[in-house]
Amino acid sequence: EKGIRIIAIGIGDENEGKRIPVTNENNERSFLKYEGQEVWSKLDADTLRKMVNVTPGGKYFNVATGTIDLGTVYRQLIAGAEKKELESETINRYEEKFQIFLSAAFFLLCIEFVLTERKKEGKNA
């Protein structure tokens, strides 16, 4: 509906999972753990295929345990894709300028007050 395209790359083995190797700050190799248990990763290609099939122009690459040239994927699918202009929303922001007129009115009231006070002083003298 929004024109978003999913490109999924399936990496791993669908039949047998693998532990995820990690290297700590001391350069020691071990396997990723979560709550004391080793984490095993297994490719779920069916879910990835379903995801790309519901999006227009979606593409799934099943690399499995092989290799893939991401530069080629980029050049073929992403760089050559149709450029779409994003919709923009315009917000009108009005600048309030009533302060100028309010200041002028206040200034004139002050002048009027001073002039009427002088008139009163002149009559009383």
Protein backbone atom coordinates (compact mmCIF):
# COMPACT_ATOMS: atom_id res chain seq x y z
CA GLU A 1 0.00 0.00 0.00
CA LYS A 2 2.91 2.37 0.74
CA GLY A 3 5.09 0.94 -2.04
CA ILE A 4 7.76 -0.44 0.28
CA ARG A 5 9.79 -3.24 -1.25
CA ILE A 6 11.47 -5.93 0.85
CA ILE A 7 14.71 -7.54 -0.26
CA ALA A 8 15.49 -10.54 1.98
CA ILE A 9 18.71 -12.52 2.01
CA GLY A 10 18.47 -15.96 3.60
CA ILE A 11 21.80 -16.95 5.14
CA GLY A 12 22.26 -20.20 7.01
CA ASP A 13 21.14 -23.80 6.97
CA GLU A 14 17.43 -24.64 6.83
CA ASN A 15 17.88 -28.20 8.08
CA GLU A 16 20.40 -27.92 10.84
CA GLY A 17 20.94 -24.87 13.02
CA LYS A 18 24.31 -23.45 13.97
CA ARG A 19 25.68 -21.76 17.05
CA ILE A 20 26.53 -18.08 16.67
CA PRO A 21 30.26 -17.43 17.16
CA VAL A 22 31.32 -14.29 19.04
CA THR A 23 34.66 -12.79 20.02
CA ASN A 24 34.98 -10.99 23.36
CA GLU A 25 37.18 -8.00 24.21
CA ASN A 26 40.14 -10.34 24.97
CA ASN A 27 39.91 -11.82 21.45
CA GLU A 28 38.62 -15.11 22.86
CA ARG A 29 36.12 -16.95 20.68
CA SER A 30 33.00 -18.48 22.14
CA PHE A 31 29.32 -18.76 21.23
CA LEU A 32 26.50 -16.32 21.87
CA LYS A 33 24.51 -17.09 25.01
CA TYR A 34 21.14 -15.89 26.22
CA GLU A 35 20.16 -16.52 29.83
CA GLY A 36 23.00 -19.02 30.14
CA GLN A 37 21.98 -21.06 27.09
CA GLU A 38 23.79 -21.11 23.76
CA VAL A 39 21.81 -19.45 20.97
CA TRP A 40 21.28 -21.53 17.84
CA SER A 41 20.29 -19.90 14.56
CA LYS A 42 18.40 -21.66 11.79
CA LEU A 43 17.33 -20.24 8.43
CA ASP A 44 13.55 -19.84 8.10
CA ALA A 45 13.32 -19.41 4.33
CA ASP A 46 9.54 -19.94 4.21
CA THR A 47 8.89 -16.90 6.39
CA LEU A 48 11.27 -14.77 4.31
CA ARG A 49 9.56 -15.88 1.09
CA LYS A 50 6.13 -15.00 2.53
CA MET A 51 7.41 -11.56 3.53
CA VAL A 52 8.74 -10.69 0.07
CA ASN A 53 5.67 -12.12 -1.68
CA VAL A 54 3.31 -9.67 0.04
CA THR A 55 5.28 -6.63 -1.11
CA PRO A 56 5.33 -5.39 -4.71
CA GLY A 57 8.74 -6.00 -6.25
CA GLY A 58 9.95 -8.02 -3.25
CA LYS A 59 12.93 -10.28 -3.85
CA TYR A 60 14.35 -13.22 -1.89
CA PHE A 61 17.91 -14.51 -2.25
CA ASN A 62 18.51 -17.94 -0.77
CA VAL A 63 22.23 -17.91 -0.05
CA ALA A 64 21.99 -20.77 2.47
CA THR A 65 25.58 -21.60 3.45
CA GLY A 66 27.11 -20.13 0.27
CA THR A 67 28.29 -16.61 -0.52
CA ILE A 68 26.68 -13.58 -2.13
CA ASP A 69 28.05 -10.43 -3.69
CA LEU A 70 26.08 -7.64 -2.02
CA GLY A 71 27.48 -5.12 -4.50
CA THR A 72 25.77 -6.98 -7.34
CA VAL A 73 22.52 -7.13 -5.40
CA TYR A 74 22.73 -3.40 -4.81
CA ARG A 75 23.48 -2.56 -8.45
CA GLN A 76 20.76 -4.82 -9.84
CA LEU A 77 17.94 -4.14 -7.42
CA ILE A 78 18.45 -1.03 -5.39
CA ALA A 79 20.48 1.43 -7.48
CA GLY A 80 18.48 0.68 -10.63
CA ALA A 81 15.11 0.85 -8.90
CA GLU A 82 12.57 3.39 -10.01
CA LYS A 83 13.07 6.57 -8.07
CA LYS A 84 9.94 7.64 -6.24
CA GLU A 85 9.36 11.04 -4.90
CA LEU A 86 8.21 11.05 -1.34
CA GLU A 87 5.00 12.83 -0.58
CA SER A 88 5.52 15.92 1.43
CA GLU A 89 3.14 17.54 3.80
CA THR A 90 3.01 21.31 3.77
CA ILE A 91 2.26 23.06 7.01
CA ASN A 92 1.35 26.72 6.76
CA ARG A 93 2.85 28.61 9.61
CA TYR A 94 1.52 32.09 10.02
CA GLU A 95 3.67 34.72 11.61
CA GLU A 96 1.78 36.84 14.08
CA LYS A 97 2.35 40.57 13.60
CA PHE A 98 -0.30 42.00 15.91
CA GLN A 99 2.44 43.13 18.31
CA ILE A 100 3.32 46.05 16.01
CA PHE A 101 -0.23 47.42 16.10
CA LEU A 102 -0.56 46.72 19.82
CA SER A 103 2.67 48.62 20.51
CA ALA A 104 1.55 51.56 18.36
CA ALA A 105 -1.84 51.68 20.12
CA PHE A 106 -0.16 51.54 23.55
CA PHE A 107 2.24 54.33 22.54
CA LEU A 108 -0.65 56.53 21.35
CA LEU A 109 -2.56 55.87 24.60
CA CYS A 110 0.49 56.96 26.59
CA ILE A 111 0.80 60.16 24.55
CA GLU A 112 -2.93 60.83 24.98
CA PHE A 113 -2.60 60.30 28.75
CA VAL A 114 0.36 62.72 28.96
CA LEU A 115 -1.42 65.37 26.88
CA THR A 116 -4.63 65.20 28.94
CA GLU A 117 -2.60 65.48 32.17
CA ARG A 118 -0.87 68.60 30.83
CA LYS A 119 -4.22 70.11 29.88
CA LYS A 120 -5.51 69.47 33.40
CA GLU A 121 -2.39 71.04 34.91
CA GLY A 122 -2.74 74.04 32.61
CA LYS A 123 -6.37 74.61 33.66
CA ASN A 124 -5.56 74.26 37.36
CA ALA A 125 -2.69 76.75 37.23
